[in-house]
Amino acid sequence: MHTYRTRQYDVCLLLAAPDAPRIWEYAVWQRLVPALTPLLSSERGRTSVRMTQFDQTQTGSPNQTYVRFGQIGWNEKSHRRWTHASPDTEVLSRSWEFCGAAGWAPGPSKCSDCPPDGFLAVRNALDGGQASDDCRFAYSVLLAVAIDRPDATQSLNGAIAALDITIPHVLLVGTRRTWSEEGMSLTDCDTFGAPFKPGPQHTAAPSLDMLKGNWQVLTV
C-alpha cells in the first residue's frame, strides 16, 4: 500500500496576479469546476473541502468570527454555499474574508493510511490586512494528483489549462514528489497554500527561488 512517504504526485502551483479575479468568487469558481472535477474525484470515497473564512462584521476571538459552513462536499449545492456572490450568498458574503480552502479526494477521514488521490489548496495572500499595493501575487493555487491514477496526466493537464486561461498569473510551475518529504508535506498546503521557503513571500518577486523543492516553469 502507498504511504505518505512513498506515494508520488505530480504537483502544479499557480501564483495569481495581484489583479486576478478571485477564485473564490462564484462566477470564477463555476468556470473552473468542470476542469477540476476529474482531479478532485476518487473511487475511495467522497471529496471533502475544508474552508477558512471570517465574518468581518463580527467581533471577538477568531473562533467567534469564523464562518461555519458545516460539511462541504464537491457538488453544486456546496459550491454555492461557500463561494462569494453565489445565488445563495449574494448578501452574506459581502462581509466574508476568505483565507484558504483545501479539497481532498477522498476526504481526510479516508486518508489515515494512504494520502489522497487528488488535492487542491488555495490560500489568499491578501488576508489579514496585507496591502495589495505591496503584494506581488493575490493568492496561490496548488494542485496535486497521484501519478498511479490511470487518469493522472489527463486530469492534471485539464485543470492546469483551465487555470491558465481563467486566472492571470505571475508564476506557473510544476514538480514531482512524494506527499511527505523532509521539511515539507503537502498536508502543510492545507493551511499555508504553497511550499514556500521562510521569508517575505508576498512582497518578493515571484520566482522558483521562493519555493521548497525542485520546481520547473510550466508552459501550457
N, C-alpha and C. Protein backbone atom coordinates (compact mmCIF):
# COMPACT_ATOMS: atom_id res chain seq x y z
N MET A 1 0.84 -1.20 0.00
CA MET A 1 0.00 0.00 0.00
C MET A 1 0.87 1.24 0.00
N HIS A 2 0.43 2.26 -0.72
CA HIS A 2 1.14 3.53 -0.73
C HIS A 2 1.01 4.21 0.63
N THR A 3 2.06 4.91 1.02
CA THR A 3 2.03 5.67 2.26
C THR A 3 2.32 7.14 1.95
N TYR A 4 2.23 7.97 2.97
CA TYR A 4 2.51 9.39 2.80
C TYR A 4 3.96 9.65 2.39
N ARG A 5 4.83 8.70 2.67
CA ARG A 5 6.25 8.88 2.35
C ARG A 5 6.64 8.23 1.03
N THR A 6 5.76 7.43 0.44
CA THR A 6 6.12 6.71 -0.78
C THR A 6 5.29 7.10 -2.00
N ARG A 7 4.06 7.55 -1.81
CA ARG A 7 3.21 7.82 -2.96
C ARG A 7 3.68 9.07 -3.71
N GLN A 8 3.84 8.93 -5.02
CA GLN A 8 4.36 10.01 -5.84
C GLN A 8 3.23 10.86 -6.43
N TYR A 9 3.49 12.16 -6.54
CA TYR A 9 2.50 13.11 -7.06
C TYR A 9 3.12 14.03 -8.10
N ASP A 10 2.32 14.36 -9.10
CA ASP A 10 2.62 15.49 -9.96
C ASP A 10 1.90 16.69 -9.37
N VAL A 11 2.64 17.78 -9.19
CA VAL A 11 2.12 18.94 -8.47
C VAL A 11 2.27 20.18 -9.35
N CYS A 12 1.27 21.02 -9.33
CA CYS A 12 1.29 22.29 -10.04
C CYS A 12 0.99 23.41 -9.04
N LEU A 13 1.70 24.52 -9.18
CA LEU A 13 1.47 25.68 -8.33
C LEU A 13 1.30 26.91 -9.20
N LEU A 14 0.23 27.66 -8.97
CA LEU A 14 -0.03 28.92 -9.66
C LEU A 14 -0.08 30.04 -8.64
N LEU A 15 0.64 31.12 -8.91
CA LEU A 15 0.53 32.34 -8.11
C LEU A 15 -0.23 33.36 -8.95
N ALA A 16 -1.41 33.73 -8.49
CA ALA A 16 -2.29 34.62 -9.24
C ALA A 16 -1.75 36.05 -9.23
N ALA A 17 -1.93 36.73 -10.35
CA ALA A 17 -1.51 38.13 -10.44
C ALA A 17 -2.28 38.96 -9.41
N PRO A 18 -1.70 40.07 -8.95
CA PRO A 18 -2.37 40.89 -7.94
C PRO A 18 -3.77 41.32 -8.31
N ASP A 19 -4.02 41.53 -9.62
CA ASP A 19 -5.34 41.98 -10.06
C ASP A 19 -6.19 40.85 -10.64
N ALA A 20 -5.80 39.61 -10.38
CA ALA A 20 -6.54 38.46 -10.92
C ALA A 20 -7.92 38.35 -10.27
N PRO A 21 -8.92 37.88 -11.01
CA PRO A 21 -10.23 37.64 -10.39
C PRO A 21 -10.10 36.60 -9.29
N ARG A 22 -10.83 36.78 -8.22
CA ARG A 22 -10.71 35.89 -7.06
C ARG A 22 -11.36 34.54 -7.36
N ILE A 23 -10.58 33.50 -7.16
CA ILE A 23 -11.07 32.15 -7.47
C ILE A 23 -12.24 31.76 -6.58
N TRP A 24 -12.38 32.40 -5.42
CA TRP A 24 -13.49 32.08 -4.52
C TRP A 24 -14.77 32.84 -4.86
N GLU A 25 -14.74 33.64 -5.91
CA GLU A 25 -15.98 34.25 -6.41
C GLU A 25 -16.74 33.20 -7.22
N TYR A 26 -18.03 33.10 -6.99
CA TYR A 26 -18.84 32.04 -7.60
C TYR A 26 -18.69 32.01 -9.12
N ALA A 27 -18.73 33.16 -9.77
CA ALA A 27 -18.66 33.20 -11.23
C ALA A 27 -17.34 32.63 -11.75
N VAL A 28 -16.26 32.88 -11.02
CA VAL A 28 -14.95 32.35 -11.42
C VAL A 28 -14.86 30.86 -11.11
N TRP A 29 -15.24 30.51 -9.90
CA TRP A 29 -15.18 29.10 -9.48
C TRP A 29 -16.03 28.22 -10.39
N GLN A 30 -17.18 28.70 -10.79
CA GLN A 30 -18.08 27.93 -11.64
C GLN A 30 -17.43 27.59 -12.98
N ARG A 31 -16.61 28.48 -13.49
CA ARG A 31 -15.93 28.23 -14.76
C ARG A 31 -14.85 27.16 -14.62
N LEU A 32 -14.30 27.01 -13.41
CA LEU A 32 -13.21 26.07 -13.19
C LEU A 32 -13.67 24.68 -12.77
N VAL A 33 -14.83 24.59 -12.17
CA VAL A 33 -15.30 23.32 -11.61
C VAL A 33 -15.26 22.16 -12.60
N PRO A 34 -15.75 22.32 -13.84
CA PRO A 34 -15.72 21.17 -14.76
C PRO A 34 -14.32 20.61 -14.98
N ALA A 35 -13.31 21.48 -15.04
CA ALA A 35 -11.94 21.01 -15.26
C ALA A 35 -11.30 20.47 -13.99
N LEU A 36 -11.73 20.96 -12.83
CA LEU A 36 -11.17 20.49 -11.56
C LEU A 36 -11.80 19.19 -11.09
N THR A 37 -13.02 18.92 -11.52
CA THR A 37 -13.77 17.76 -11.01
C THR A 37 -13.06 16.43 -11.25
N PRO A 38 -12.51 16.15 -12.45
CA PRO A 38 -11.81 14.86 -12.61
C PRO A 38 -10.66 14.68 -11.63
N LEU A 39 -9.90 15.74 -11.37
CA LEU A 39 -8.78 15.64 -10.43
C LEU A 39 -9.28 15.47 -9.00
N LEU A 40 -10.38 16.15 -8.66
CA LEU A 40 -10.93 16.10 -7.30
C LEU A 40 -12.02 15.04 -7.20
N SER A 41 -11.76 13.87 -7.78
CA SER A 41 -12.67 12.72 -7.69
C SER A 41 -11.86 11.50 -7.28
N SER A 42 -12.50 10.58 -6.57
CA SER A 42 -11.80 9.38 -6.12
C SER A 42 -12.78 8.23 -5.97
N GLU A 43 -12.34 7.05 -6.37
CA GLU A 43 -13.15 5.84 -6.16
C GLU A 43 -13.11 5.40 -4.70
N ARG A 44 -12.23 5.98 -3.90
CA ARG A 44 -12.10 5.59 -2.50
C ARG A 44 -13.11 6.28 -1.59
N GLY A 45 -13.76 7.31 -2.09
CA GLY A 45 -14.74 7.99 -1.25
C GLY A 45 -15.02 9.39 -1.75
N ARG A 46 -15.90 10.08 -1.04
CA ARG A 46 -16.33 11.41 -1.45
C ARG A 46 -15.24 12.46 -1.19
N THR A 47 -15.26 13.48 -2.02
CA THR A 47 -14.36 14.61 -1.86
C THR A 47 -14.86 15.51 -0.73
N SER A 48 -13.92 16.03 0.05
CA SER A 48 -14.25 16.93 1.15
C SER A 48 -13.47 18.22 0.98
N VAL A 49 -14.14 19.35 1.23
CA VAL A 49 -13.50 20.66 1.12
C VAL A 49 -13.43 21.28 2.51
N ARG A 50 -12.24 21.69 2.92
CA ARG A 50 -12.04 22.40 4.18
C ARG A 50 -11.99 23.89 3.88
N MET A 51 -12.55 24.68 4.77
CA MET A 51 -12.72 26.09 4.47
C MET A 51 -12.37 26.96 5.69
N THR A 52 -11.66 28.06 5.45
CA THR A 52 -11.42 29.05 6.50
C THR A 52 -11.82 30.42 5.98
N GLN A 53 -12.90 30.95 6.55
CA GLN A 53 -13.35 32.30 6.23
C GLN A 53 -13.83 32.96 7.53
N PHE A 54 -13.76 34.28 7.55
CA PHE A 54 -14.17 35.03 8.72
C PHE A 54 -15.19 36.09 8.34
N ASP A 55 -16.08 36.37 9.26
CA ASP A 55 -17.11 37.39 9.06
C ASP A 55 -16.60 38.68 9.68
N GLN A 56 -16.34 39.68 8.84
CA GLN A 56 -15.75 40.93 9.30
C GLN A 56 -16.73 41.81 10.08
N THR A 57 -18.01 41.46 10.09
CA THR A 57 -18.97 42.22 10.87
C THR A 57 -19.02 41.76 12.32
N GLN A 58 -18.40 40.61 12.61
CA GLN A 58 -18.40 40.06 13.95
C GLN A 58 -17.15 40.51 14.70
N THR A 59 -17.23 40.56 16.02
CA THR A 59 -16.08 40.92 16.85
C THR A 59 -15.81 39.79 17.84
N GLY A 60 -14.60 39.81 18.37
CA GLY A 60 -14.24 38.78 19.34
C GLY A 60 -13.07 37.97 18.86
N SER A 61 -12.95 36.76 19.38
CA SER A 61 -11.85 35.87 19.03
C SER A 61 -12.05 35.33 17.62
N PRO A 62 -10.98 34.78 17.00
CA PRO A 62 -11.14 34.14 15.70
C PRO A 62 -12.23 33.08 15.69
N ASN A 63 -12.36 32.36 16.80
CA ASN A 63 -13.38 31.33 16.87
C ASN A 63 -14.79 31.93 16.79
N GLN A 64 -14.96 33.14 17.30
CA GLN A 64 -16.27 33.80 17.28
C GLN A 64 -16.59 34.42 15.93
N THR A 65 -15.57 34.74 15.15
CA THR A 65 -15.80 35.37 13.85
C THR A 65 -15.71 34.38 12.68
N TYR A 66 -15.37 33.15 12.99
CA TYR A 66 -15.23 32.11 11.98
C TYR A 66 -16.58 31.77 11.36
N VAL A 67 -16.64 31.73 10.03
CA VAL A 67 -17.88 31.36 9.34
C VAL A 67 -17.97 29.85 9.31
N ARG A 68 -19.06 29.31 9.86
CA ARG A 68 -19.22 27.86 9.95
C ARG A 68 -20.14 27.37 8.84
N PHE A 69 -19.56 26.57 7.94
CA PHE A 69 -20.30 26.08 6.78
C PHE A 69 -20.82 24.66 6.96
N GLY A 70 -20.37 23.97 8.00
CA GLY A 70 -20.70 22.56 8.11
C GLY A 70 -19.89 21.76 7.12
N GLN A 71 -20.31 20.54 6.84
CA GLN A 71 -19.59 19.70 5.89
C GLN A 71 -19.76 20.24 4.48
N ILE A 72 -18.65 20.35 3.77
CA ILE A 72 -18.67 20.84 2.40
C ILE A 72 -18.15 19.74 1.48
N GLY A 73 -18.96 19.37 0.52
CA GLY A 73 -18.57 18.36 -0.46
C GLY A 73 -18.21 19.00 -1.79
N TRP A 74 -18.19 18.17 -2.81
CA TRP A 74 -17.87 18.65 -4.16
C TRP A 74 -19.12 18.49 -5.03
N ASN A 75 -20.00 19.46 -4.91
CA ASN A 75 -21.24 19.45 -5.68
C ASN A 75 -21.75 20.89 -5.76
N GLU A 76 -22.72 21.12 -6.60
CA GLU A 76 -23.20 22.47 -6.84
C GLU A 76 -23.76 23.12 -5.57
N LYS A 77 -24.47 22.35 -4.77
CA LYS A 77 -25.02 22.90 -3.53
C LYS A 77 -23.92 23.42 -2.62
N SER A 78 -22.84 22.65 -2.49
CA SER A 78 -21.72 23.06 -1.65
C SER A 78 -20.98 24.25 -2.25
N HIS A 79 -20.77 24.24 -3.56
CA HIS A 79 -20.08 25.35 -4.21
C HIS A 79 -20.82 26.67 -3.96
N ARG A 80 -22.13 26.62 -4.04
CA ARG A 80 -22.93 27.83 -3.82
C ARG A 80 -22.92 28.28 -2.37
N ARG A 81 -22.63 27.34 -1.45
CA ARG A 81 -22.69 27.67 -0.03
C ARG A 81 -21.47 28.45 0.45
N TRP A 82 -20.29 28.18 -0.13
CA TRP A 82 -19.08 28.82 0.40
C TRP A 82 -18.50 29.90 -0.50
N THR A 83 -18.80 29.87 -1.79
CA THR A 83 -18.23 30.89 -2.68
C THR A 83 -18.90 32.24 -2.45
N HIS A 84 -18.21 33.29 -2.82
CA HIS A 84 -18.73 34.64 -2.66
C HIS A 84 -19.60 35.03 -3.85
N ALA A 85 -20.67 35.76 -3.56
CA ALA A 85 -21.58 36.27 -4.59
C ALA A 85 -22.24 35.17 -5.39
N SER A 86 -22.49 34.02 -4.76
CA SER A 86 -23.26 32.98 -5.41
C SER A 86 -24.74 33.31 -5.26
N PRO A 87 -25.64 32.60 -5.94
CA PRO A 87 -27.07 32.85 -5.74
C PRO A 87 -27.51 32.70 -4.29
N ASP A 88 -26.75 31.92 -3.50
CA ASP A 88 -27.11 31.71 -2.10
C ASP A 88 -26.40 32.65 -1.13
N THR A 89 -25.31 33.31 -1.60
CA THR A 89 -24.50 34.13 -0.68
C THR A 89 -24.33 35.56 -1.17
N GLU A 90 -25.17 36.00 -2.05
CA GLU A 90 -25.03 37.33 -2.66
C GLU A 90 -24.88 38.42 -1.60
N VAL A 91 -25.68 38.36 -0.55
CA VAL A 91 -25.63 39.36 0.52
C VAL A 91 -24.68 38.93 1.63
N LEU A 92 -24.79 37.69 2.07
CA LEU A 92 -23.99 37.20 3.20
C LEU A 92 -22.50 37.38 2.98
N SER A 93 -22.02 37.06 1.79
CA SER A 93 -20.58 37.01 1.55
C SER A 93 -19.93 38.38 1.46
N ARG A 94 -20.72 39.44 1.44
CA ARG A 94 -20.13 40.78 1.36
C ARG A 94 -19.26 41.10 2.57
N SER A 95 -19.51 40.45 3.68
CA SER A 95 -18.71 40.69 4.89
C SER A 95 -17.70 39.57 5.16
N TRP A 96 -17.60 38.59 4.27
CA TRP A 96 -16.68 37.47 4.48
C TRP A 96 -15.27 37.81 4.02
N GLU A 97 -14.30 37.36 4.77
CA GLU A 97 -12.91 37.41 4.35
C GLU A 97 -12.43 35.99 4.12
N PHE A 98 -12.10 35.67 2.87
CA PHE A 98 -11.62 34.33 2.53
C PHE A 98 -10.15 34.22 2.88
N CYS A 99 -9.81 33.17 3.62
CA CYS A 99 -8.42 32.92 3.97
C CYS A 99 -7.84 31.75 3.18
N GLY A 100 -8.52 30.63 3.19
CA GLY A 100 -7.99 29.48 2.47
C GLY A 100 -9.00 28.35 2.38
N ALA A 101 -8.71 27.43 1.46
CA ALA A 101 -9.55 26.25 1.28
C ALA A 101 -8.68 25.11 0.78
N ALA A 102 -9.10 23.89 1.07
CA ALA A 102 -8.39 22.72 0.59
C ALA A 102 -9.40 21.63 0.25
N GLY A 103 -9.21 21.02 -0.91
CA GLY A 103 -10.07 19.91 -1.33
C GLY A 103 -9.29 18.61 -1.30
N TRP A 104 -9.83 17.60 -0.63
CA TRP A 104 -9.23 16.28 -0.53
C TRP A 104 -10.11 15.27 -1.24
N ALA A 105 -9.53 14.44 -2.11
CA ALA A 105 -10.27 13.39 -2.80
C ALA A 105 -9.56 12.05 -2.61
N PRO A 106 -10.04 11.18 -1.71
CA PRO A 106 -11.22 11.38 -0.87
C PRO A 106 -10.88 12.27 0.33
N GLY A 107 -11.90 12.51 1.19
CA GLY A 107 -11.73 13.35 2.36
C GLY A 107 -10.71 12.80 3.34
N PRO A 108 -10.19 13.64 4.24
CA PRO A 108 -9.16 13.23 5.19
C PRO A 108 -9.52 12.01 6.01
N SER A 109 -10.79 11.81 6.31
CA SER A 109 -11.18 10.65 7.12
C SER A 109 -10.88 9.33 6.41
N LYS A 110 -10.75 9.36 5.08
CA LYS A 110 -10.44 8.17 4.30
C LYS A 110 -8.95 8.05 4.01
N CYS A 111 -8.16 8.98 4.56
CA CYS A 111 -6.74 9.06 4.21
C CYS A 111 -5.82 8.83 5.41
N SER A 112 -6.26 8.03 6.37
CA SER A 112 -5.44 7.81 7.55
C SER A 112 -4.16 7.04 7.21
N ASP A 113 -4.24 6.12 6.25
CA ASP A 113 -3.08 5.31 5.88
C ASP A 113 -2.49 5.71 4.53
N CYS A 114 -3.34 6.04 3.59
CA CYS A 114 -2.89 6.37 2.24
C CYS A 114 -3.34 7.79 1.90
N PRO A 115 -2.46 8.64 1.41
CA PRO A 115 -2.83 10.02 1.10
C PRO A 115 -3.83 10.11 -0.04
N PRO A 116 -4.41 11.28 -0.27
CA PRO A 116 -5.50 11.40 -1.25
C PRO A 116 -5.04 11.14 -2.68
N ASP A 117 -6.01 10.84 -3.54
CA ASP A 117 -5.74 10.64 -4.96
C ASP A 117 -5.59 11.98 -5.67
N GLY A 118 -6.32 12.97 -5.21
CA GLY A 118 -6.25 14.31 -5.77
C GLY A 118 -6.37 15.34 -4.66
N PHE A 119 -5.76 16.51 -4.88
CA PHE A 119 -5.69 17.51 -3.81
C PHE A 119 -5.65 18.90 -4.42
N LEU A 120 -6.30 19.84 -3.74
CA LEU A 120 -6.32 21.24 -4.13
C LEU A 120 -6.15 22.10 -2.89
N ALA A 121 -5.31 23.12 -2.96
CA ALA A 121 -5.17 24.08 -1.87
C ALA A 121 -5.14 25.49 -2.43
N VAL A 122 -5.95 26.37 -1.85
CA VAL A 122 -5.99 27.78 -2.23
C VAL A 122 -5.73 28.61 -0.99
N ARG A 123 -4.85 29.59 -1.12
CA ARG A 123 -4.55 30.45 0.02
C ARG A 123 -4.53 31.91 -0.42
N ASN A 124 -5.29 32.73 0.26
CA ASN A 124 -5.37 34.15 -0.04
C ASN A 124 -4.14 34.86 0.54
N ALA A 125 -3.37 35.52 -0.31
CA ALA A 125 -2.18 36.24 0.16
C ALA A 125 -2.51 37.62 0.69
N LEU A 126 -3.75 38.06 0.49
CA LEU A 126 -4.14 39.42 0.90
C LEU A 126 -4.99 39.44 2.15
N ASP A 127 -5.13 38.31 2.82
CA ASP A 127 -5.92 38.30 4.05
C ASP A 127 -5.08 38.86 5.19
N GLY A 128 -5.73 39.21 6.26
CA GLY A 128 -5.02 39.70 7.44
C GLY A 128 -4.43 41.08 7.29
N GLY A 129 -4.96 41.87 6.35
CA GLY A 129 -4.52 43.25 6.23
C GLY A 129 -3.32 43.50 5.35
N GLN A 130 -2.85 42.48 4.62
CA GLN A 130 -1.73 42.68 3.70
C GLN A 130 -2.11 43.70 2.64
N ALA A 131 -1.30 44.72 2.45
CA ALA A 131 -1.61 45.78 1.48
C ALA A 131 -1.46 45.25 0.06
N SER A 132 -2.50 45.40 -0.73
CA SER A 132 -2.49 44.87 -2.09
C SER A 132 -1.42 45.55 -2.94
N ASP A 133 -1.09 46.81 -2.65
CA ASP A 133 -0.08 47.51 -3.44
C ASP A 133 1.31 46.91 -3.24
N ASP A 134 1.54 46.27 -2.10
CA ASP A 134 2.84 45.70 -1.79
C ASP A 134 2.95 44.23 -2.19
N CYS A 135 1.83 43.59 -2.43
CA CYS A 135 1.81 42.15 -2.66
C CYS A 135 2.08 41.83 -4.12
N ARG A 136 2.99 40.89 -4.36
CA ARG A 136 3.36 40.53 -5.72
C ARG A 136 2.42 39.48 -6.33
N PHE A 137 1.60 38.85 -5.51
CA PHE A 137 0.59 37.93 -6.02
C PHE A 137 -0.60 37.93 -5.08
N ALA A 138 -1.78 37.63 -5.63
CA ALA A 138 -3.02 37.74 -4.85
C ALA A 138 -3.31 36.49 -4.04
N TYR A 139 -3.05 35.34 -4.60
CA TYR A 139 -3.31 34.08 -3.92
C TYR A 139 -2.57 32.96 -4.64
N SER A 140 -2.46 31.82 -3.97
CA SER A 140 -1.81 30.65 -4.56
C SER A 140 -2.84 29.54 -4.75
N VAL A 141 -2.63 28.76 -5.82
CA VAL A 141 -3.45 27.59 -6.10
C VAL A 141 -2.51 26.42 -6.33
N LEU A 142 -2.63 25.39 -5.51
CA LEU A 142 -1.80 24.21 -5.65
C LEU A 142 -2.67 23.01 -5.98
N LEU A 143 -2.25 22.26 -7.00
CA LEU A 143 -2.93 21.03 -7.41
C LEU A 143 -1.96 19.87 -7.30
N ALA A 144 -2.45 18.72 -6.84
CA ALA A 144 -1.60 17.53 -6.78
C ALA A 144 -2.44 16.31 -7.16
N VAL A 145 -1.85 15.44 -7.96
CA VAL A 145 -2.54 14.20 -8.36
C VAL A 145 -1.56 13.04 -8.25
N ALA A 146 -2.00 11.93 -7.68
CA ALA A 146 -1.16 10.75 -7.54
C ALA A 146 -0.87 10.17 -8.92
N ILE A 147 0.42 9.92 -9.22
CA ILE A 147 0.78 9.51 -10.56
C ILE A 147 0.35 8.09 -10.88
N ASP A 148 -0.03 7.29 -9.87
CA ASP A 148 -0.50 5.94 -10.14
C ASP A 148 -1.96 5.90 -10.58
N ARG A 149 -2.64 7.05 -10.56
CA ARG A 149 -4.00 7.09 -11.09
C ARG A 149 -3.96 6.96 -12.60
N PRO A 150 -4.87 6.15 -13.19
CA PRO A 150 -4.86 6.00 -14.65
C PRO A 150 -5.07 7.31 -15.40
N ASP A 151 -5.82 8.24 -14.80
CA ASP A 151 -6.13 9.50 -15.47
C ASP A 151 -5.29 10.65 -14.96
N ALA A 152 -4.16 10.35 -14.31
CA ALA A 152 -3.39 11.40 -13.64
C ALA A 152 -2.98 12.52 -14.59
N THR A 153 -2.35 12.17 -15.70
CA THR A 153 -1.86 13.20 -16.62
C THR A 153 -3.00 13.98 -17.23
N GLN A 154 -4.04 13.29 -17.65
CA GLN A 154 -5.18 13.96 -18.29
C GLN A 154 -5.89 14.90 -17.33
N SER A 155 -6.13 14.44 -16.11
CA SER A 155 -6.88 15.27 -15.15
C SER A 155 -6.06 16.49 -14.73
N LEU A 156 -4.75 16.32 -14.54
CA LEU A 156 -3.93 17.46 -14.14
C LEU A 156 -3.78 18.46 -15.28
N ASN A 157 -3.53 17.96 -16.48
CA ASN A 157 -3.37 18.86 -17.62
C ASN A 157 -4.65 19.65 -17.89
N GLY A 158 -5.80 19.00 -17.73
CA GLY A 158 -7.06 19.70 -17.93
C GLY A 158 -7.26 20.81 -16.91
N ALA A 159 -6.90 20.53 -15.66
CA ALA A 159 -7.04 21.53 -14.61
C ALA A 159 -6.07 22.69 -14.82
N ILE A 160 -4.83 22.37 -15.20
CA ILE A 160 -3.84 23.42 -15.45
C ILE A 160 -4.28 24.32 -16.59
N ALA A 161 -4.77 23.73 -17.66
CA ALA A 161 -5.20 24.52 -18.81
C ALA A 161 -6.32 25.47 -18.43
N ALA A 162 -7.27 25.01 -17.62
CA ALA A 162 -8.38 25.86 -17.20
C ALA A 162 -7.90 27.00 -16.32
N LEU A 163 -6.99 26.70 -15.40
CA LEU A 163 -6.44 27.76 -14.55
C LEU A 163 -5.67 28.78 -15.39
N ASP A 164 -4.89 28.29 -16.33
CA ASP A 164 -4.08 29.17 -17.17
C ASP A 164 -4.95 30.16 -17.94
N ILE A 165 -6.09 29.70 -18.42
CA ILE A 165 -6.98 30.55 -19.20
C ILE A 165 -7.76 31.51 -18.30
N THR A 166 -8.16 31.05 -17.13
CA THR A 166 -9.09 31.79 -16.28
C THR A 166 -8.40 32.76 -15.32
N ILE A 167 -7.23 32.38 -14.82
CA ILE A 167 -6.57 33.16 -13.76
C ILE A 167 -5.25 33.75 -14.27
N PRO A 168 -5.18 35.05 -14.51
CA PRO A 168 -3.89 35.67 -14.83
C PRO A 168 -2.89 35.40 -13.70
N HIS A 169 -1.66 35.04 -14.05
CA HIS A 169 -0.72 34.62 -13.03
C HIS A 169 0.67 35.17 -13.27
N VAL A 170 1.44 35.19 -12.20
CA VAL A 170 2.83 35.66 -12.26
C VAL A 170 3.80 34.50 -12.18
N LEU A 171 3.32 33.31 -11.84
CA LEU A 171 4.16 32.12 -11.79
C LEU A 171 3.30 30.88 -11.95
N LEU A 172 3.74 29.96 -12.81
CA LEU A 172 3.05 28.68 -13.01
C LEU A 172 4.15 27.62 -13.12
N VAL A 173 4.23 26.76 -12.11
CA VAL A 173 5.35 25.83 -12.02
C VAL A 173 4.85 24.43 -11.64
N GLY A 174 5.71 23.43 -11.84
CA GLY A 174 5.34 22.07 -11.51
C GLY A 174 6.52 21.28 -10.98
N THR A 175 6.22 20.18 -10.31
CA THR A 175 7.24 19.28 -9.79
C THR A 175 6.65 17.90 -9.61
N ARG A 176 7.51 16.93 -9.38
CA ARG A 176 7.09 15.57 -8.99
C ARG A 176 7.76 15.25 -7.67
N ARG A 177 6.98 14.72 -6.72
CA ARG A 177 7.50 14.47 -5.38
C ARG A 177 6.58 13.50 -4.66
N THR A 178 7.05 12.99 -3.52
CA THR A 178 6.17 12.23 -2.65
C THR A 178 5.32 13.20 -1.85
N TRP A 179 4.27 12.69 -1.21
CA TRP A 179 3.41 13.57 -0.41
C TRP A 179 4.21 14.21 0.72
N SER A 180 4.95 13.39 1.45
CA SER A 180 5.74 13.90 2.58
C SER A 180 7.22 13.72 2.27
N GLU A 181 7.94 14.84 2.26
CA GLU A 181 9.37 14.82 2.09
C GLU A 181 10.00 15.60 3.24
N GLU A 182 11.28 15.44 3.41
CA GLU A 182 11.96 16.09 4.53
C GLU A 182 11.75 17.61 4.48
N GLY A 183 11.19 18.12 5.57
CA GLY A 183 11.00 19.57 5.67
C GLY A 183 9.73 20.09 5.03
N MET A 184 8.94 19.22 4.40
CA MET A 184 7.75 19.73 3.71
C MET A 184 6.79 18.60 3.39
N SER A 185 5.54 18.76 3.79
CA SER A 185 4.47 17.83 3.44
C SER A 185 3.39 18.59 2.71
N LEU A 186 2.78 17.97 1.72
CA LEU A 186 1.69 18.63 1.02
C LEU A 186 0.51 18.89 1.95
N THR A 187 0.43 18.16 3.06
CA THR A 187 -0.59 18.44 4.05
C THR A 187 -0.45 19.87 4.59
N ASP A 188 0.78 20.36 4.66
CA ASP A 188 1.01 21.73 5.12
C ASP A 188 0.30 22.75 4.22
N CYS A 189 0.12 22.40 2.95
CA CYS A 189 -0.51 23.32 2.00
C CYS A 189 -1.99 23.49 2.31
N ASP A 190 -2.55 22.58 3.10
CA ASP A 190 -3.93 22.72 3.57
C ASP A 190 -4.08 24.02 4.35
N THR A 191 -3.02 24.41 5.04
CA THR A 191 -3.03 25.63 5.84
C THR A 191 -2.30 26.79 5.16
N PHE A 192 -1.13 26.50 4.59
CA PHE A 192 -0.28 27.58 4.10
C PHE A 192 -0.41 27.83 2.59
N GLY A 193 -0.96 26.87 1.86
CA GLY A 193 -1.27 27.09 0.45
C GLY A 193 -0.17 26.81 -0.53
N ALA A 194 1.08 26.88 -0.15
CA ALA A 194 2.19 26.63 -1.07
C ALA A 194 3.43 26.28 -0.26
N PRO A 195 4.35 25.52 -0.84
CA PRO A 195 5.58 25.13 -0.12
C PRO A 195 6.64 26.22 -0.17
N PHE A 196 6.37 27.34 0.48
CA PHE A 196 7.29 28.46 0.47
C PHE A 196 8.45 28.24 1.43
N LYS A 197 9.61 28.75 1.05
CA LYS A 197 10.72 28.84 1.98
C LYS A 197 10.44 29.98 2.96
N PRO A 198 11.08 29.97 4.12
CA PRO A 198 10.92 31.09 5.05
C PRO A 198 11.36 32.39 4.38
N GLY A 199 10.62 33.46 4.64
CA GLY A 199 10.98 34.74 4.06
C GLY A 199 9.76 35.52 3.62
N PRO A 200 9.96 36.71 3.07
CA PRO A 200 8.85 37.59 2.67
C PRO A 200 8.26 37.19 1.32
N GLN A 201 7.49 36.10 1.31
CA GLN A 201 6.99 35.59 0.04
C GLN A 201 6.08 36.59 -0.67
N HIS A 202 5.23 37.27 0.08
CA HIS A 202 4.21 38.10 -0.54
C HIS A 202 4.78 39.33 -1.24
N THR A 203 5.91 39.85 -0.74
CA THR A 203 6.46 41.08 -1.30
C THR A 203 7.68 40.84 -2.18
N ALA A 204 8.19 39.62 -2.20
CA ALA A 204 9.34 39.31 -3.05
C ALA A 204 8.86 39.02 -4.48
N ALA A 205 9.72 39.29 -5.45
CA ALA A 205 9.39 38.99 -6.84
C ALA A 205 9.20 37.49 -6.99
N PRO A 206 8.04 37.02 -7.50
CA PRO A 206 7.78 35.58 -7.62
C PRO A 206 8.83 34.88 -8.47
N SER A 207 9.39 33.80 -7.94
CA SER A 207 10.41 33.05 -8.66
C SER A 207 10.51 31.65 -8.08
N LEU A 208 11.24 30.78 -8.77
CA LEU A 208 11.46 29.43 -8.28
C LEU A 208 12.22 29.43 -6.96
N ASP A 209 13.00 30.47 -6.72
CA ASP A 209 13.85 30.52 -5.53
C ASP A 209 13.04 30.60 -4.24
N MET A 210 11.78 31.02 -4.30
CA MET A 210 10.98 31.15 -3.09
C MET A 210 10.34 29.83 -2.66
N LEU A 211 10.51 28.78 -3.47
CA LEU A 211 9.81 27.52 -3.21
C LEU A 211 10.76 26.42 -2.73
N LYS A 212 10.25 25.61 -1.82
CA LYS A 212 10.99 24.42 -1.39
C LYS A 212 10.89 23.35 -2.47
N GLY A 213 11.98 22.65 -2.72
CA GLY A 213 11.96 21.56 -3.68
C GLY A 213 12.46 21.97 -5.06
N ASN A 214 12.38 21.03 -5.99
CA ASN A 214 12.87 21.22 -7.35
C ASN A 214 11.69 21.46 -8.30
N TRP A 215 11.46 22.71 -8.66
CA TRP A 215 10.33 23.09 -9.49
C TRP A 215 10.80 23.54 -10.87
N GLN A 216 9.90 23.41 -11.85
CA GLN A 216 10.16 23.87 -13.20
C GLN A 216 9.01 24.72 -13.68
N VAL A 217 9.31 25.75 -14.46
CA VAL A 217 8.27 26.59 -15.04
C VAL A 217 7.49 25.77 -16.07
N LEU A 218 6.15 25.86 -16.02
CA LEU A 218 5.28 25.13 -16.93
C LEU A 218 4.90 26.02 -18.10
N THR A 219 4.87 25.42 -19.28
CA THR A 219 4.36 26.10 -20.46
C THR A 219 3.10 25.37 -20.91
N VAL A 220 2.03 26.09 -21.10
CA VAL A 220 0.73 25.47 -21.44
C VAL A 220 0.41 25.75 -22.89
